[in-house]
Amino acid sequence: MADTQQVDERTEAKQAARRVARLARQIGAFSTAHGGAEGQVAYLGQRGARIVLVGEDGGWGDLVAPSYEIAEKAVEKAGITVHEAFDGEFAAKVRTGPYEWTRMAGIQVGGPSNT
């Protein structure tokens, strides 16, 4: 039984390493496409963690990791600056376009409904 447990632990460790590498590549690709990037990792509970990315050009995106630990390792491997919270100067870097404004405002300001 101990051998099976060791094999399972090694398999899980390999899977986690692959997930970290894949997320780091995706973060790196985003950073390259947007002239650099910064991020913030947010805990999502059992779903894992959300990695919010903001490019130097104001573009933004996010990724979901299966755990907070994997998300932290991925942003570390990608080499981006990580913020504790999504506020202040970091949030001010996000540039939104007309689509985001109408989707966020919806009916309140005469935009399309969110249905």
N, C-alpha and C. Protein backbone atom coordinates (compact mmCIF):
# COMPACT_ATOMS: atom_id res chain seq x y z
N MET A 1 0.82 -1.20 0.00
CA MET A 1 0.00 0.00 0.00
C MET A 1 0.86 1.26 0.00
N ALA A 2 1.98 1.21 0.66
CA ALA A 2 2.88 2.37 0.72
C ALA A 2 3.43 2.70 -0.66
N ASP A 3 3.71 1.64 -1.45
CA ASP A 3 4.22 1.87 -2.80
C ASP A 3 3.19 2.59 -3.67
N THR A 4 1.94 2.18 -3.55
CA THR A 4 0.87 2.82 -4.31
C THR A 4 0.72 4.28 -3.93
N GLN A 5 0.82 4.55 -2.65
CA GLN A 5 0.70 5.94 -2.18
C GLN A 5 1.83 6.80 -2.72
N GLN A 6 3.06 6.24 -2.76
CA GLN A 6 4.19 6.99 -3.28
C GLN A 6 4.02 7.27 -4.77
N VAL A 7 3.53 6.28 -5.50
CA VAL A 7 3.29 6.46 -6.94
C VAL A 7 2.24 7.54 -7.16
N ASP A 8 1.14 7.51 -6.38
CA ASP A 8 0.09 8.52 -6.49
C ASP A 8 0.63 9.91 -6.20
N GLU A 9 1.46 10.03 -5.17
CA GLU A 9 2.04 11.33 -4.81
C GLU A 9 2.95 11.84 -5.92
N ARG A 10 3.75 10.93 -6.49
CA ARG A 10 4.64 11.33 -7.59
C ARG A 10 3.84 11.75 -8.81
N THR A 11 2.78 11.02 -9.11
CA THR A 11 1.92 11.35 -10.25
C THR A 11 1.28 12.72 -10.05
N GLU A 12 0.75 12.97 -8.84
CA GLU A 12 0.14 14.27 -8.55
C GLU A 12 1.16 15.39 -8.64
N ALA A 13 2.38 15.14 -8.17
CA ALA A 13 3.43 16.16 -8.24
C ALA A 13 3.79 16.47 -9.69
N LYS A 14 3.85 15.43 -10.54
CA LYS A 14 4.14 15.65 -11.96
C LYS A 14 3.02 16.43 -12.64
N GLN A 15 1.78 16.10 -12.32
CA GLN A 15 0.64 16.82 -12.89
C GLN A 15 0.66 18.28 -12.47
N ALA A 16 0.95 18.53 -11.19
CA ALA A 16 1.02 19.91 -10.69
C ALA A 16 2.13 20.68 -11.40
N ALA A 17 3.28 20.03 -11.59
CA ALA A 17 4.40 20.69 -12.28
C ALA A 17 4.03 21.04 -13.71
N ARG A 18 3.30 20.14 -14.39
CA ARG A 18 2.86 20.42 -15.76
C ARG A 18 1.87 21.58 -15.79
N ARG A 19 0.97 21.63 -14.82
CA ARG A 19 0.01 22.73 -14.76
C ARG A 19 0.71 24.06 -14.52
N VAL A 20 1.69 24.05 -13.61
CA VAL A 20 2.47 25.26 -13.34
C VAL A 20 3.17 25.72 -14.62
N ALA A 21 3.81 24.79 -15.32
CA ALA A 21 4.53 25.13 -16.55
C ALA A 21 3.57 25.68 -17.61
N ARG A 22 2.41 25.04 -17.77
CA ARG A 22 1.44 25.51 -18.77
C ARG A 22 0.94 26.91 -18.44
N LEU A 23 0.58 27.14 -17.18
CA LEU A 23 0.12 28.47 -16.77
C LEU A 23 1.22 29.51 -16.95
N ALA A 24 2.44 29.16 -16.59
CA ALA A 24 3.57 30.09 -16.75
C ALA A 24 3.77 30.45 -18.22
N ARG A 25 3.62 29.47 -19.12
CA ARG A 25 3.73 29.76 -20.56
C ARG A 25 2.62 30.71 -21.01
N GLN A 26 1.40 30.48 -20.53
CA GLN A 26 0.28 31.35 -20.89
C GLN A 26 0.49 32.76 -20.35
N ILE A 27 0.98 32.87 -19.14
CA ILE A 27 1.27 34.18 -18.55
C ILE A 27 2.37 34.87 -19.36
N GLY A 28 3.41 34.12 -19.71
CA GLY A 28 4.49 34.66 -20.51
C GLY A 28 4.02 35.14 -21.87
N ALA A 29 3.13 34.38 -22.51
CA ALA A 29 2.60 34.78 -23.81
C ALA A 29 1.78 36.06 -23.68
N PHE A 30 0.98 36.17 -22.62
CA PHE A 30 0.21 37.40 -22.38
C PHE A 30 1.16 38.57 -22.18
N SER A 31 2.18 38.36 -21.37
CA SER A 31 3.15 39.42 -21.09
C SER A 31 3.85 39.88 -22.37
N THR A 32 4.24 38.95 -23.21
CA THR A 32 4.89 39.29 -24.48
C THR A 32 3.95 40.09 -25.38
N ALA A 33 2.71 39.65 -25.45
CA ALA A 33 1.73 40.31 -26.32
C ALA A 33 1.35 41.71 -25.85
N HIS A 34 1.54 41.99 -24.57
CA HIS A 34 1.10 43.28 -24.01
C HIS A 34 2.24 44.13 -23.46
N GLY A 35 3.46 43.85 -23.88
CA GLY A 35 4.59 44.68 -23.49
C GLY A 35 4.99 44.54 -22.04
N GLY A 36 4.69 43.42 -21.44
CA GLY A 36 4.96 43.19 -20.02
C GLY A 36 3.65 43.00 -19.29
N ALA A 37 3.71 42.47 -18.09
CA ALA A 37 2.48 42.24 -17.34
C ALA A 37 2.74 42.22 -15.84
N GLU A 38 1.68 42.49 -15.11
CA GLU A 38 1.67 42.36 -13.66
C GLU A 38 0.44 41.52 -13.33
N GLY A 39 0.40 40.95 -12.14
CA GLY A 39 -0.72 40.10 -11.81
C GLY A 39 -1.12 40.15 -10.36
N GLN A 40 -2.22 39.48 -10.08
CA GLN A 40 -2.72 39.32 -8.72
C GLN A 40 -3.39 37.96 -8.64
N VAL A 41 -3.14 37.24 -7.57
CA VAL A 41 -3.72 35.91 -7.38
C VAL A 41 -4.82 36.02 -6.33
N ALA A 42 -6.01 35.56 -6.67
CA ALA A 42 -7.16 35.60 -5.77
C ALA A 42 -7.67 34.20 -5.50
N TYR A 43 -7.89 33.87 -4.25
CA TYR A 43 -8.39 32.56 -3.84
C TYR A 43 -9.85 32.42 -4.25
N LEU A 44 -10.21 31.32 -4.89
CA LEU A 44 -11.59 31.07 -5.33
C LEU A 44 -12.27 29.96 -4.53
N GLY A 45 -11.69 29.53 -3.45
CA GLY A 45 -12.27 28.43 -2.68
C GLY A 45 -11.88 27.11 -3.31
N GLN A 46 -12.81 26.16 -3.33
CA GLN A 46 -12.51 24.83 -3.85
C GLN A 46 -12.17 24.83 -5.33
N ARG A 47 -12.62 25.85 -6.07
CA ARG A 47 -12.32 25.92 -7.51
C ARG A 47 -10.86 26.20 -7.77
N GLY A 48 -10.13 26.78 -6.81
CA GLY A 48 -8.72 27.06 -7.02
C GLY A 48 -8.41 28.53 -6.81
N ALA A 49 -7.72 29.11 -7.78
CA ALA A 49 -7.30 30.51 -7.68
C ALA A 49 -7.37 31.17 -9.05
N ARG A 50 -7.68 32.44 -9.04
CA ARG A 50 -7.76 33.23 -10.26
C ARG A 50 -6.51 34.10 -10.36
N ILE A 51 -5.88 34.05 -11.51
CA ILE A 51 -4.71 34.90 -11.78
C ILE A 51 -5.19 36.01 -12.70
N VAL A 52 -5.25 37.23 -12.17
CA VAL A 52 -5.66 38.38 -12.98
C VAL A 52 -4.39 39.01 -13.53
N LEU A 53 -4.36 39.24 -14.84
CA LEU A 53 -3.19 39.80 -15.50
C LEU A 53 -3.54 41.16 -16.10
N VAL A 54 -2.64 42.11 -15.95
CA VAL A 54 -2.80 43.43 -16.57
C VAL A 54 -1.51 43.73 -17.31
N GLY A 55 -1.64 43.96 -18.62
CA GLY A 55 -0.49 44.26 -19.45
C GLY A 55 -0.07 45.72 -19.34
N GLU A 56 1.14 46.00 -19.76
CA GLU A 56 1.65 47.38 -19.76
C GLU A 56 0.84 48.28 -20.66
N ASP A 57 0.17 47.70 -21.67
CA ASP A 57 -0.66 48.48 -22.58
C ASP A 57 -2.09 48.64 -22.07
N GLY A 58 -2.38 48.13 -20.87
CA GLY A 58 -3.73 48.24 -20.30
C GLY A 58 -4.62 47.06 -20.59
N GLY A 59 -4.19 46.17 -21.48
CA GLY A 59 -4.97 44.96 -21.75
C GLY A 59 -5.02 44.08 -20.51
N TRP A 60 -6.08 43.34 -20.39
CA TRP A 60 -6.20 42.49 -19.20
C TRP A 60 -6.81 41.14 -19.55
N GLY A 61 -6.62 40.21 -18.66
CA GLY A 61 -7.15 38.87 -18.83
C GLY A 61 -7.00 38.11 -17.53
N ASP A 62 -7.48 36.89 -17.51
CA ASP A 62 -7.33 36.09 -16.31
C ASP A 62 -7.22 34.62 -16.66
N LEU A 63 -6.69 33.87 -15.73
CA LEU A 63 -6.55 32.42 -15.84
C LEU A 63 -7.02 31.83 -14.52
N VAL A 64 -7.48 30.60 -14.55
CA VAL A 64 -7.87 29.92 -13.31
C VAL A 64 -6.95 28.73 -13.12
N ALA A 65 -6.35 28.65 -11.93
CA ALA A 65 -5.48 27.53 -11.56
C ALA A 65 -6.25 26.62 -10.61
N PRO A 66 -5.93 25.33 -10.60
CA PRO A 66 -6.66 24.41 -9.74
C PRO A 66 -6.40 24.59 -8.24
N SER A 67 -5.34 25.32 -7.89
CA SER A 67 -5.07 25.61 -6.48
C SER A 67 -4.30 26.92 -6.36
N TYR A 68 -4.37 27.51 -5.18
CA TYR A 68 -3.65 28.75 -4.92
C TYR A 68 -2.15 28.52 -5.03
N GLU A 69 -1.69 27.39 -4.54
CA GLU A 69 -0.26 27.06 -4.58
C GLU A 69 0.25 26.97 -6.02
N ILE A 70 -0.52 26.33 -6.88
CA ILE A 70 -0.12 26.22 -8.29
C ILE A 70 -0.11 27.61 -8.94
N ALA A 71 -1.09 28.44 -8.63
CA ALA A 71 -1.13 29.80 -9.17
C ALA A 71 0.09 30.59 -8.74
N GLU A 72 0.44 30.51 -7.46
CA GLU A 72 1.61 31.24 -6.96
C GLU A 72 2.90 30.77 -7.66
N LYS A 73 3.04 29.47 -7.82
CA LYS A 73 4.23 28.94 -8.49
C LYS A 73 4.28 29.37 -9.95
N ALA A 74 3.12 29.43 -10.61
CA ALA A 74 3.08 29.82 -12.02
C ALA A 74 3.49 31.28 -12.20
N VAL A 75 2.97 32.19 -11.38
CA VAL A 75 3.35 33.60 -11.54
C VAL A 75 4.82 33.80 -11.18
N GLU A 76 5.30 33.03 -10.22
CA GLU A 76 6.72 33.12 -9.87
C GLU A 76 7.58 32.63 -11.03
N LYS A 77 7.19 31.51 -11.63
CA LYS A 77 7.95 30.96 -12.76
C LYS A 77 7.90 31.90 -13.97
N ALA A 78 6.77 32.57 -14.16
CA ALA A 78 6.64 33.50 -15.28
C ALA A 78 7.44 34.78 -15.05
N GLY A 79 7.76 35.06 -13.80
CA GLY A 79 8.60 36.22 -13.50
C GLY A 79 7.91 37.57 -13.55
N ILE A 80 6.59 37.59 -13.33
CA ILE A 80 5.88 38.87 -13.34
C ILE A 80 5.77 39.43 -11.93
N THR A 81 5.53 40.73 -11.84
CA THR A 81 5.28 41.37 -10.55
C THR A 81 3.89 40.96 -10.08
N VAL A 82 3.78 40.57 -8.82
CA VAL A 82 2.50 40.13 -8.26
C VAL A 82 2.09 41.09 -7.16
N HIS A 83 0.85 41.56 -7.23
CA HIS A 83 0.29 42.48 -6.24
C HIS A 83 -0.54 41.70 -5.23
N GLU A 84 -0.57 42.20 -4.01
CA GLU A 84 -1.37 41.57 -2.95
C GLU A 84 -2.87 41.75 -3.20
N ALA A 85 -3.26 42.91 -3.73
CA ALA A 85 -4.67 43.20 -3.95
C ALA A 85 -4.84 43.91 -5.29
N PHE A 86 -6.05 43.87 -5.80
CA PHE A 86 -6.36 44.53 -7.06
C PHE A 86 -6.94 45.91 -6.76
N ASP A 87 -6.08 46.83 -6.42
CA ASP A 87 -6.54 48.18 -6.08
C ASP A 87 -5.48 49.22 -6.44
N GLY A 88 -5.83 50.47 -6.26
CA GLY A 88 -4.88 51.57 -6.45
C GLY A 88 -4.28 51.65 -7.84
N GLU A 89 -2.97 51.84 -7.87
CA GLU A 89 -2.26 52.01 -9.13
C GLU A 89 -2.42 50.81 -10.07
N PHE A 90 -2.45 49.62 -9.49
CA PHE A 90 -2.58 48.41 -10.30
C PHE A 90 -3.91 48.40 -11.05
N ALA A 91 -5.01 48.65 -10.37
CA ALA A 91 -6.33 48.67 -11.01
C ALA A 91 -6.44 49.80 -12.03
N ALA A 92 -5.76 50.90 -11.77
CA ALA A 92 -5.82 52.05 -12.68
C ALA A 92 -5.15 51.76 -14.02
N LYS A 93 -4.32 50.72 -14.10
CA LYS A 93 -3.64 50.38 -15.35
C LYS A 93 -4.57 49.71 -16.36
N VAL A 94 -5.71 49.19 -15.89
CA VAL A 94 -6.63 48.48 -16.78
C VAL A 94 -7.31 49.47 -17.71
N ARG A 95 -7.30 49.15 -19.00
CA ARG A 95 -7.98 49.97 -20.00
C ARG A 95 -9.14 49.16 -20.56
N THR A 96 -10.33 49.71 -20.43
CA THR A 96 -11.51 49.03 -20.96
C THR A 96 -12.03 49.78 -22.17
N GLY A 97 -12.67 49.04 -23.03
CA GLY A 97 -13.23 49.63 -24.24
C GLY A 97 -14.74 49.76 -24.15
N PRO A 98 -15.35 50.17 -25.23
CA PRO A 98 -16.82 50.35 -25.26
C PRO A 98 -17.58 49.07 -24.91
N TYR A 99 -17.07 47.93 -25.36
CA TYR A 99 -17.76 46.67 -25.08
C TYR A 99 -17.89 46.44 -23.57
N GLU A 100 -16.77 46.59 -22.85
CA GLU A 100 -16.80 46.35 -21.41
C GLU A 100 -17.72 47.33 -20.70
N TRP A 101 -17.69 48.60 -21.12
CA TRP A 101 -18.53 49.59 -20.46
C TRP A 101 -20.01 49.29 -20.66
N THR A 102 -20.39 48.90 -21.87
CA THR A 102 -21.81 48.62 -22.08
C THR A 102 -22.22 47.34 -21.37
N ARG A 103 -21.35 46.34 -21.33
CA ARG A 103 -21.69 45.10 -20.63
C ARG A 103 -21.75 45.31 -19.13
N MET A 104 -20.87 46.14 -18.57
CA MET A 104 -20.88 46.39 -17.13
C MET A 104 -22.07 47.26 -16.74
N ALA A 105 -22.38 48.25 -17.56
CA ALA A 105 -23.46 49.18 -17.23
C ALA A 105 -24.82 48.60 -17.58
N GLY A 106 -24.88 47.90 -18.71
CA GLY A 106 -26.13 47.28 -19.11
C GLY A 106 -27.27 48.27 -19.22
N ILE A 107 -28.39 47.90 -18.69
CA ILE A 107 -29.62 48.68 -18.80
C ILE A 107 -29.51 50.03 -18.08
N GLN A 108 -28.70 50.12 -17.03
CA GLN A 108 -28.62 51.33 -16.21
C GLN A 108 -28.32 52.59 -17.01
N VAL A 109 -27.49 52.49 -18.05
CA VAL A 109 -27.15 53.66 -18.84
C VAL A 109 -27.54 53.50 -20.30
N GLY A 110 -28.52 52.68 -20.53
CA GLY A 110 -29.03 52.52 -21.90
C GLY A 110 -28.25 51.56 -22.76
N GLY A 111 -27.32 50.82 -22.16
CA GLY A 111 -26.57 49.84 -22.92
C GLY A 111 -27.39 48.58 -23.13
N PRO A 112 -26.84 47.62 -23.85
CA PRO A 112 -27.57 46.37 -24.07
C PRO A 112 -27.75 45.61 -22.76
N SER A 113 -28.82 44.87 -22.68
CA SER A 113 -29.04 44.08 -21.46
C SER A 113 -28.01 42.97 -21.39
N ASN A 114 -27.79 42.45 -20.22
CA ASN A 114 -26.79 41.40 -20.01
C ASN A 114 -27.40 40.00 -20.18
N THR A 115 -28.41 39.88 -21.02
CA THR A 115 -29.01 38.57 -21.22
C THR A 115 -28.55 37.95 -22.50
